[in-house]
Amino acid sequence: ERELNNLFSLSGENEKHYIEGQVLFIDSFA
């Protein structure tokens, strides 16, 4: 997870899609 975060959270414009994916997964718990 740390390695994924280090790679994908530093990617500028596409970072929002990374964060959206995190939110979508957490929302699936509903």
Full PDB file with SEQRES, HELIX, SHEET, SSBOND, CRYST1, ORIGX, SCALE, CONECT and MASTER records, all heavy atoms in Angstrom:
SEQRES   1 A   30  GLU ARG GLU LEU ASN ASN LEU PHE SER LEU SER GLY GLU          
SEQRES   2 A   30  ASN GLU LYS HIS TYR ILE GLU GLY GLN VAL LEU PHE ILE          
SEQRES   3 A   30  ASP SER PHE ALA                                              
HELIX    1 AA1 ARG A    2  PHE A    8  1                                   7    
HELIX    2 AA2 GLY A   12  ASN A   14  5                                   3    
HELIX    3 AA3 GLU A   15  ASP A   27  1                                  13    
CRYST1    1.000    1.000    1.000  90.00  90.00  90.00 P 1           1          
ORIGX1      1.000000  0.000000  0.000000        0.00000                         
ORIGX2      0.000000  1.000000  0.000000        0.00000                         
ORIGX3      0.000000  0.000000  1.000000        0.00000                         
SCALE1      1.000000  0.000000  0.000000        0.00000                         
SCALE2      0.000000  1.000000  0.000000        0.00000                         
SCALE3      0.000000  0.000000  1.000000        0.00000                         
ATOM      1  N   GLU A   1       0.844  -1.200   0.000  1.00  0.00           N  
ATOM      2  CA  GLU A   1       0.000   0.000   0.000  1.00  0.00           C  
ATOM      3  C   GLU A   1       0.875   1.245   0.000  1.00  0.00           C  
ATOM      4  O   GLU A   1       0.609   2.196  -0.738  1.00  0.00           O  
ATOM      5  CB  GLU A   1      -0.937   0.021   1.208  1.00  0.00           C  
ATOM      6  CG  GLU A   1      -1.953   1.150   1.174  1.00  0.00           C  
ATOM      7  CD  GLU A   1      -1.393   2.529   1.471  1.00  0.00           C  
ATOM      8  OE1 GLU A   1      -0.538   2.648   2.373  1.00  0.00           O  
ATOM      9  OE2 GLU A   1      -1.806   3.500   0.809  1.00  0.00           O  
ATOM     10  N   ARG A   2       1.917   1.242   0.797  1.00  0.00           N  
ATOM     11  CA  ARG A   2       2.823   2.405   0.842  1.00  0.00           C  
ATOM     12  C   ARG A   2       3.478   2.635  -0.518  1.00  0.00           C  
ATOM     13  O   ARG A   2       3.616   3.771  -0.964  1.00  0.00           O  
ATOM     14  CB  ARG A   2       3.882   2.213   1.918  1.00  0.00           C  
ATOM     15  CG  ARG A   2       3.337   2.416   3.302  1.00  0.00           C  
ATOM     16  CD  ARG A   2       4.409   2.294   4.350  1.00  0.00           C  
ATOM     17  NE  ARG A   2       3.815   2.466   5.672  1.00  0.00           N  
ATOM     18  CZ  ARG A   2       4.342   2.005   6.778  1.00  0.00           C  
ATOM     19  NH1 ARG A   2       5.489   1.330   6.747  1.00  0.00           N  
ATOM     20  NH2 ARG A   2       3.754   2.205   7.935  1.00  0.00           N  
ATOM     21  N   GLU A   3       3.872   1.557  -1.158  1.00  0.00           N  
ATOM     22  CA  GLU A   3       4.507   1.703  -2.467  1.00  0.00           C  
ATOM     23  C   GLU A   3       3.510   2.232  -3.499  1.00  0.00           C  
ATOM     24  O   GLU A   3       3.839   3.113  -4.298  1.00  0.00           O  
ATOM     25  CB  GLU A   3       5.123   0.388  -2.931  1.00  0.00           C  
ATOM     26  CG  GLU A   3       6.024   0.582  -4.121  1.00  0.00           C  
ATOM     27  CD  GLU A   3       7.004  -0.549  -4.348  1.00  0.00           C  
ATOM     28  OE1 GLU A   3       7.046  -1.500  -3.545  1.00  0.00           O  
ATOM     29  OE2 GLU A   3       7.721  -0.475  -5.354  1.00  0.00           O  
ATOM     30  N   LEU A   4       2.294   1.705  -3.486  1.00  0.00           N  
ATOM     31  CA  LEU A   4       1.257   2.233  -4.388  1.00  0.00           C  
ATOM     32  C   LEU A   4       1.044   3.721  -4.141  1.00  0.00           C  
ATOM     33  O   LEU A   4       0.995   4.516  -5.076  1.00  0.00           O  
ATOM     34  CB  LEU A   4      -0.075   1.521  -4.143  1.00  0.00           C  
ATOM     35  CG  LEU A   4      -0.428   0.298  -4.939  1.00  0.00           C  
ATOM     36  CD1 LEU A   4      -1.792  -0.214  -4.505  1.00  0.00           C  
ATOM     37  CD2 LEU A   4      -0.397   0.534  -6.416  1.00  0.00           C  
ATOM     38  N   ASN A   5       0.920   4.077  -2.883  1.00  0.00           N  
ATOM     39  CA  ASN A   5       0.671   5.472  -2.524  1.00  0.00           C  
ATOM     40  C   ASN A   5       1.833   6.362  -2.980  1.00  0.00           C  
ATOM     41  O   ASN A   5       1.607   7.444  -3.519  1.00  0.00           O  
ATOM     42  CB  ASN A   5       0.445   5.598  -1.027  1.00  0.00           C  
ATOM     43  CG  ASN A   5      -0.140   6.934  -0.662  1.00  0.00           C  
ATOM     44  OD1 ASN A   5      -1.145   7.357  -1.216  1.00  0.00           O  
ATOM     45  ND2 ASN A   5       0.494   7.615   0.269  1.00  0.00           N  
ATOM     46  N   ASN A   6       3.048   5.904  -2.780  1.00  0.00           N  
ATOM     47  CA  ASN A   6       4.210   6.686  -3.204  1.00  0.00           C  
ATOM     48  C   ASN A   6       4.231   6.887  -4.714  1.00  0.00           C  
ATOM     49  O   ASN A   6       4.596   7.954  -5.192  1.00  0.00           O  
ATOM     50  CB  ASN A   6       5.516   6.015  -2.761  1.00  0.00           C  
ATOM     51  CG  ASN A   6       5.759   6.152  -1.281  1.00  0.00           C  
ATOM     52  OD1 ASN A   6       5.220   7.040  -0.622  1.00  0.00           O  
ATOM     53  ND2 ASN A   6       6.555   5.258  -0.740  1.00  0.00           N  
ATOM     54  N   LEU A   7       3.832   5.896  -5.458  1.00  0.00           N  
ATOM     55  CA  LEU A   7       3.846   5.995  -6.916  1.00  0.00           C  
ATOM     56  C   LEU A   7       2.688   6.818  -7.473  1.00  0.00           C  
ATOM     57  O   LEU A   7       2.869   7.663  -8.336  1.00  0.00           O  
ATOM     58  CB  LEU A   7       3.803   4.602  -7.548  1.00  0.00           C  
ATOM     59  CG  LEU A   7       5.078   3.784  -7.454  1.00  0.00           C  
ATOM     60  CD1 LEU A   7       4.798   2.341  -7.858  1.00  0.00           C  
ATOM     61  CD2 LEU A   7       6.166   4.384  -8.329  1.00  0.00           C  
ATOM     62  N   PHE A   8       1.495   6.560  -6.979  1.00  0.00           N  
ATOM     63  CA  PHE A   8       0.301   7.117  -7.618  1.00  0.00           C  
ATOM     64  C   PHE A   8      -0.201   8.427  -7.019  1.00  0.00           C  
ATOM     65  O   PHE A   8      -0.950   9.135  -7.659  1.00  0.00           O  
ATOM     66  CB  PHE A   8      -0.828   6.086  -7.632  1.00  0.00           C  
ATOM     67  CG  PHE A   8      -0.601   4.994  -8.626  1.00  0.00           C  
ATOM     68  CD1 PHE A   8       0.090   3.848  -8.278  1.00  0.00           C  
ATOM     69  CD2 PHE A   8      -1.069   5.113  -9.921  1.00  0.00           C  
ATOM     70  CE1 PHE A   8       0.323   2.840  -9.193  1.00  0.00           C  
ATOM     71  CE2 PHE A   8      -0.847   4.109 -10.853  1.00  0.00           C  
ATOM     72  CZ  PHE A   8      -0.148   2.974 -10.487  1.00  0.00           C  
ATOM     73  N   SER A   9       0.207   8.755  -5.812  1.00  0.00           N  
ATOM     74  CA  SER A   9      -0.310   9.988  -5.222  1.00  0.00           C  
ATOM     75  C   SER A   9       0.520  11.204  -5.623  1.00  0.00           C  
ATOM     76  O   SER A   9       0.161  12.323  -5.304  1.00  0.00           O  
ATOM     77  CB  SER A   9      -0.373   9.870  -3.702  1.00  0.00           C  
ATOM     78  OG  SER A   9       0.931   9.790  -3.161  1.00  0.00           O  
ATOM     79  N   LEU A  10       1.602  11.011  -6.322  1.00  0.00           N  
ATOM     80  CA  LEU A  10       2.461  12.121  -6.743  1.00  0.00           C  
ATOM     81  C   LEU A  10       2.302  12.428  -8.216  1.00  0.00           C  
ATOM     82  O   LEU A  10       3.212  12.945  -8.847  1.00  0.00           O  
ATOM     83  CB  LEU A  10       3.935  11.772  -6.461  1.00  0.00           C  
ATOM     84  CG  LEU A  10       4.274  11.449  -5.027  1.00  0.00           C  
ATOM     85  CD1 LEU A  10       5.704  10.962  -4.921  1.00  0.00           C  
ATOM     86  CD2 LEU A  10       4.051  12.656  -4.140  1.00  0.00           C  
ATOM     87  N   SER A  11       1.165  12.120  -8.762  1.00  0.00           N  
ATOM     88  CA  SER A  11       1.039  12.138 -10.211  1.00  0.00           C  
ATOM     89  C   SER A  11       0.208  13.297 -10.749  1.00  0.00           C  
ATOM     90  O   SER A  11      -0.365  13.191 -11.814  1.00  0.00           O  
ATOM     91  CB  SER A  11       0.455  10.807 -10.666  1.00  0.00           C  
ATOM     92  OG  SER A  11      -0.718  10.540  -9.949  1.00  0.00           O  
ATOM     93  N   GLY A  12       0.133  14.385 -10.033  1.00  0.00           N  
ATOM     94  CA  GLY A  12      -0.520  15.580 -10.553  1.00  0.00           C  
ATOM     95  C   GLY A  12      -1.995  15.406 -10.839  1.00  0.00           C  
ATOM     96  O   GLY A  12      -2.771  14.999  -9.985  1.00  0.00           O  
ATOM     97  N   GLU A  13      -2.370  15.704 -12.072  1.00  0.00           N  
ATOM     98  CA  GLU A  13      -3.782  15.720 -12.477  1.00  0.00           C  
ATOM     99  C   GLU A  13      -4.502  14.405 -12.210  1.00  0.00           C  
ATOM    100  O   GLU A  13      -5.652  14.394 -11.800  1.00  0.00           O  
ATOM    101  CB  GLU A  13      -3.881  16.071 -13.970  1.00  0.00           C  
ATOM    102  CG  GLU A  13      -5.285  16.132 -14.513  1.00  0.00           C  
ATOM    103  CD  GLU A  13      -6.149  17.200 -13.866  1.00  0.00           C  
ATOM    104  OE1 GLU A  13      -5.601  18.234 -13.437  1.00  0.00           O  
ATOM    105  OE2 GLU A  13      -7.371  16.994 -13.780  1.00  0.00           O  
ATOM    106  N   ASN A  14      -3.853  13.289 -12.419  1.00  0.00           N  
ATOM    107  CA  ASN A  14      -4.515  12.002 -12.232  1.00  0.00           C  
ATOM    108  C   ASN A  14      -4.630  11.585 -10.774  1.00  0.00           C  
ATOM    109  O   ASN A  14      -5.300  10.603 -10.467  1.00  0.00           O  
ATOM    110  CB  ASN A  14      -3.799  10.911 -13.040  1.00  0.00           C  
ATOM    111  CG  ASN A  14      -4.176  10.957 -14.499  1.00  0.00           C  
ATOM    112  OD1 ASN A  14      -5.331  11.165 -14.834  1.00  0.00           O  
ATOM    113  ND2 ASN A  14      -3.207  10.778 -15.358  1.00  0.00           N  
ATOM    114  N   GLU A  15      -3.989  12.336  -9.892  1.00  0.00           N  
ATOM    115  CA  GLU A  15      -4.079  12.009  -8.469  1.00  0.00           C  
ATOM    116  C   GLU A  15      -5.535  12.007  -7.992  1.00  0.00           C  
ATOM    117  O   GLU A  15      -5.916  11.207  -7.154  1.00  0.00           O  
ATOM    118  CB  GLU A  15      -3.260  12.995  -7.639  1.00  0.00           C  
ATOM    119  CG  GLU A  15      -3.261  12.667  -6.166  1.00  0.00           C  
ATOM    120  CD  GLU A  15      -2.405  13.622  -5.364  1.00  0.00           C  
ATOM    121  OE1 GLU A  15      -1.814  14.548  -5.921  1.00  0.00           O  
ATOM    122  OE2 GLU A  15      -2.343  13.432  -4.142  1.00  0.00           O  
ATOM    123  N   LYS A  16      -6.362  12.865  -8.564  1.00  0.00           N  
ATOM    124  CA  LYS A  16      -7.769  12.914  -8.143  1.00  0.00           C  
ATOM    125  C   LYS A  16      -8.465  11.581  -8.428  1.00  0.00           C  
ATOM    126  O   LYS A  16      -9.318  11.150  -7.664  1.00  0.00           O  
ATOM    127  CB  LYS A  16      -8.515  14.068  -8.799  1.00  0.00           C  
ATOM    128  CG  LYS A  16      -8.721  13.930 -10.283  1.00  0.00           C  
ATOM    129  CD  LYS A  16      -9.456  15.127 -10.870  1.00  0.00           C  
ATOM    130  CE  LYS A  16      -9.602  14.933 -12.360  1.00  0.00           C  
ATOM    131  NZ  LYS A  16     -10.204  16.078 -12.995  1.00  0.00           N  
ATOM    132  N   HIS A  17      -8.094  10.897  -9.506  1.00  0.00           N  
ATOM    133  CA  HIS A  17      -8.693   9.595  -9.819  1.00  0.00           C  
ATOM    134  C   HIS A  17      -8.246   8.537  -8.802  1.00  0.00           C  
ATOM    135  O   HIS A  17      -9.007   7.645  -8.450  1.00  0.00           O  
ATOM    136  CB  HIS A  17      -8.336   9.157 -11.236  1.00  0.00           C  
ATOM    137  CG  HIS A  17      -8.835  10.103 -12.277  1.00  0.00           C  
ATOM    138  ND1 HIS A  17     -10.173  10.300 -12.537  1.00  0.00           N  
ATOM    139  CD2 HIS A  17      -8.174  10.942 -13.105  1.00  0.00           C  
ATOM    140  CE1 HIS A  17     -10.313  11.205 -13.476  1.00  0.00           C  
ATOM    141  NE2 HIS A  17      -9.115  11.611 -13.841  1.00  0.00           N  
ATOM    142  N   TYR A  18      -7.020   8.662  -8.346  1.00  0.00           N  
ATOM    143  CA  TYR A  18      -6.487   7.766  -7.315  1.00  0.00           C  
ATOM    144  C   TYR A  18      -7.299   7.932  -6.023  1.00  0.00           C  
ATOM    145  O   TYR A  18      -7.769   6.950  -5.442  1.00  0.00           O  
ATOM    146  CB  TYR A  18      -5.010   8.097  -7.088  1.00  0.00           C  
ATOM    147  CG  TYR A  18      -4.335   7.285  -6.010  1.00  0.00           C  
ATOM    148  CD1 TYR A  18      -3.948   5.972  -6.249  1.00  0.00           C  
ATOM    149  CD2 TYR A  18      -4.057   7.839  -4.770  1.00  0.00           C  
ATOM    150  CE1 TYR A  18      -3.305   5.232  -5.269  1.00  0.00           C  
ATOM    151  CE2 TYR A  18      -3.416   7.108  -3.789  1.00  0.00           C  
ATOM    152  CZ  TYR A  18      -3.037   5.805  -4.046  1.00  0.00           C  
ATOM    153  OH  TYR A  18      -2.406   5.076  -3.073  1.00  0.00           O  
ATOM    154  N   ILE A  19      -7.515   9.170  -5.633  1.00  0.00           N  
ATOM    155  CA  ILE A  19      -8.274   9.455  -4.413  1.00  0.00           C  
ATOM    156  C   ILE A  19      -9.734   9.036  -4.581  1.00  0.00           C  
ATOM    157  O   ILE A  19     -10.337   8.483  -3.663  1.00  0.00           O  
ATOM    158  CB  ILE A  19      -8.143  10.943  -4.031  1.00  0.00           C  
ATOM    159  CG1 ILE A  19      -6.685  11.226  -3.640  1.00  0.00           C  
ATOM    160  CG2 ILE A  19      -9.096  11.320  -2.905  1.00  0.00           C  
ATOM    161  CD1 ILE A  19      -6.333  12.679  -3.519  1.00  0.00           C  
ATOM    162  N   GLU A  20     -10.307   9.287  -5.751  1.00  0.00           N  
ATOM    163  CA  GLU A  20     -11.683   8.850  -6.024  1.00  0.00           C  
ATOM    164  C   GLU A  20     -11.813   7.340  -5.882  1.00  0.00           C  
ATOM    165  O   GLU A  20     -12.813   6.845  -5.366  1.00  0.00           O  
ATOM    166  CB  GLU A  20     -12.121   9.286  -7.420  1.00  0.00           C  
ATOM    167  CG  GLU A  20     -12.399  10.758  -7.552  1.00  0.00           C  
ATOM    168  CD  GLU A  20     -12.610  11.209  -8.981  1.00  0.00           C  
ATOM    169  OE1 GLU A  20     -12.515  10.384  -9.924  1.00  0.00           O  
ATOM    170  OE2 GLU A  20     -12.871  12.409  -9.176  1.00  0.00           O  
ATOM    171  N   GLY A  21     -10.815   6.603  -6.344  1.00  0.00           N  
ATOM    172  CA  GLY A  21     -10.821   5.148  -6.199  1.00  0.00           C  
ATOM    173  C   GLY A  21     -10.825   4.732  -4.742  1.00  0.00           C  
ATOM    174  O   GLY A  21     -11.550   3.806  -4.352  1.00  0.00           O  
ATOM    175  N   GLN A  22     -10.037   5.424  -3.927  1.00  0.00           N  
ATOM    176  CA  GLN A  22     -10.026   5.121  -2.496  1.00  0.00           C  
ATOM    177  C   GLN A  22     -11.409   5.346  -1.886  1.00  0.00           C  
ATOM    178  O   GLN A  22     -11.911   4.515  -1.133  1.00  0.00           O  
ATOM    179  CB  GLN A  22      -8.985   5.978  -1.779  1.00  0.00           C  
ATOM    180  CG  GLN A  22      -7.566   5.590  -2.109  1.00  0.00           C  
ATOM    181  CD  GLN A  22      -6.545   6.480  -1.442  1.00  0.00           C  
ATOM    182  OE1 GLN A  22      -6.707   7.689  -1.386  1.00  0.00           O  
ATOM    183  NE2 GLN A  22      -5.481   5.866  -0.953  1.00  0.00           N  
ATOM    184  N   VAL A  23     -12.020   6.452  -2.231  1.00  0.00           N  
ATOM    185  CA  VAL A  23     -13.350   6.777  -1.702  1.00  0.00           C  
ATOM    186  C   VAL A  23     -14.381   5.756  -2.174  1.00  0.00           C  
ATOM    187  O   VAL A  23     -15.220   5.297  -1.387  1.00  0.00           O  
ATOM    188  CB  VAL A  23     -13.758   8.213  -2.094  1.00  0.00           C  
ATOM    189  CG1 VAL A  23     -15.212   8.493  -1.753  1.00  0.00           C  
ATOM    190  CG2 VAL A  23     -12.834   9.226  -1.424  1.00  0.00           C  
ATOM    191  N   LEU A  24     -14.330   5.374  -3.436  1.00  0.00           N  
ATOM    192  CA  LEU A  24     -15.279   4.387  -3.963  1.00  0.00           C  
ATOM    193  C   LEU A  24     -15.182   3.056  -3.226  1.00  0.00           C  
ATOM    194  O   LEU A  24     -16.200   2.429  -2.925  1.00  0.00           O  
ATOM    195  CB  LEU A  24     -15.060   4.168  -5.459  1.00  0.00           C  
ATOM    196  CG  LEU A  24     -15.550   5.276  -6.371  1.00  0.00           C  
ATOM    197  CD1 LEU A  24     -15.059   5.052  -7.797  1.00  0.00           C  
ATOM    198  CD2 LEU A  24     -17.065   5.372  -6.330  1.00  0.00           C  
ATOM    199  N   PHE A  25     -13.951   2.626  -2.938  1.00  0.00           N  
ATOM    200  CA  PHE A  25     -13.805   1.364  -2.217  1.00  0.00           C  
ATOM    201  C   PHE A  25     -14.396   1.476  -0.817  1.00  0.00           C  
ATOM    202  O   PHE A  25     -15.133   0.597  -0.377  1.00  0.00           O  
ATOM    203  CB  PHE A  25     -12.347   0.915  -2.138  1.00  0.00           C  
ATOM    204  CG  PHE A  25     -12.217  -0.437  -1.493  1.00  0.00           C  
ATOM    205  CD1 PHE A  25     -12.466  -1.584  -2.221  1.00  0.00           C  
ATOM    206  CD2 PHE A  25     -11.916  -0.574  -0.145  1.00  0.00           C  
ATOM    207  CE1 PHE A  25     -12.395  -2.841  -1.627  1.00  0.00           C  
ATOM    208  CE2 PHE A  25     -11.835  -1.821   0.458  1.00  0.00           C  
ATOM    209  CZ  PHE A  25     -12.075  -2.956  -0.285  1.00  0.00           C  
ATOM    210  N   ILE A  26     -14.111   2.544  -0.141  1.00  0.00           N  
ATOM    211  CA  ILE A  26     -14.641   2.730   1.217  1.00  0.00           C  
ATOM    212  C   ILE A  26     -16.160   2.819   1.183  1.00  0.00           C  
ATOM    213  O   ILE A  26     -16.836   2.252   2.041  1.00  0.00           O  
ATOM    214  CB  ILE A  26     -13.996   3.958   1.878  1.00  0.00           C  
ATOM    215  CG1 ILE A  26     -12.501   3.666   2.118  1.00  0.00           C  
ATOM    216  CG2 ILE A  26     -14.702   4.324   3.181  1.00  0.00           C  
ATOM    217  CD1 ILE A  26     -11.665   4.854   2.479  1.00  0.00           C  
ATOM    218  N   ASP A  27     -16.710   3.487   0.177  1.00  0.00           N  
ATOM    219  CA  ASP A  27     -18.166   3.583   0.032  1.00  0.00           C  
ATOM    220  C   ASP A  27     -18.825   2.216  -0.167  1.00  0.00           C  
ATOM    221  O   ASP A  27     -19.995   2.031   0.169  1.00  0.00           O  
ATOM    222  CB  ASP A  27     -18.545   4.493  -1.139  1.00  0.00           C  
ATOM    223  CG  ASP A  27     -18.421   5.957  -0.806  1.00  0.00           C  
ATOM    224  OD1 ASP A  27     -18.243   6.304   0.380  1.00  0.00           O  
ATOM    225  OD2 ASP A  27     -18.485   6.775  -1.752  1.00  0.00           O  
ATOM    226  N   SER A  28     -18.098   1.252  -0.714  1.00  0.00           N  
ATOM    227  CA  SER A  28     -18.677  -0.074  -0.955  1.00  0.00           C  
ATOM    228  C   SER A  28     -19.066  -0.771   0.347  1.00  0.00           C  
ATOM    229  O   SER A  28     -19.882  -1.683   0.348  1.00  0.00           O  
ATOM    230  CB  SER A  28     -17.720  -0.947  -1.771  1.00  0.00           C  
ATOM    231  OG  SER A  28     -16.557  -1.256  -1.038  1.00  0.00           O  
ATOM    232  N   PHE A  29     -18.532  -0.315   1.462  1.00  0.00           N  
ATOM    233  CA  PHE A  29     -18.879  -0.908   2.749  1.00  0.00           C  
ATOM    234  C   PHE A  29     -20.310  -0.593   3.158  1.00  0.00           C  
ATOM    235  O   PHE A  29     -20.878  -1.275   4.011  1.00  0.00           O  
ATOM    236  CB  PHE A  29     -17.899  -0.454   3.840  1.00  0.00           C  
ATOM    237  CG  PHE A  29     -16.591  -1.176   3.772  1.00  0.00           C  
ATOM    238  CD1 PHE A  29     -15.644  -0.822   2.843  1.00  0.00           C  
ATOM    239  CD2 PHE A  29     -16.327  -2.236   4.611  1.00  0.00           C  
ATOM    240  CE1 PHE A  29     -14.440  -1.489   2.754  1.00  0.00           C  
ATOM    241  CE2 PHE A  29     -15.127  -2.921   4.537  1.00  0.00           C  
ATOM    242  CZ  PHE A  29     -14.185  -2.548   3.602  1.00  0.00           C  
ATOM    243  N   ALA A  30     -20.908   0.392   2.558  1.00  0.00           N  
ATOM    244  CA  ALA A  30     -22.296   0.732   2.860  1.00  0.00           C  
ATOM    245  C   ALA A  30     -23.255  -0.347   2.381  1.00  0.00           C  
ATOM    246  O   ALA A  30     -24.394  -0.418   2.834  1.00  0.00           O  
ATOM    247  CB  ALA A  30     -22.664   2.066   2.228  1.00  0.00           C  
TER     248      ALA A  30                                                      
MASTER        0    0    0    3    0    0    0    6  247    1    0    3          
END                                                                             
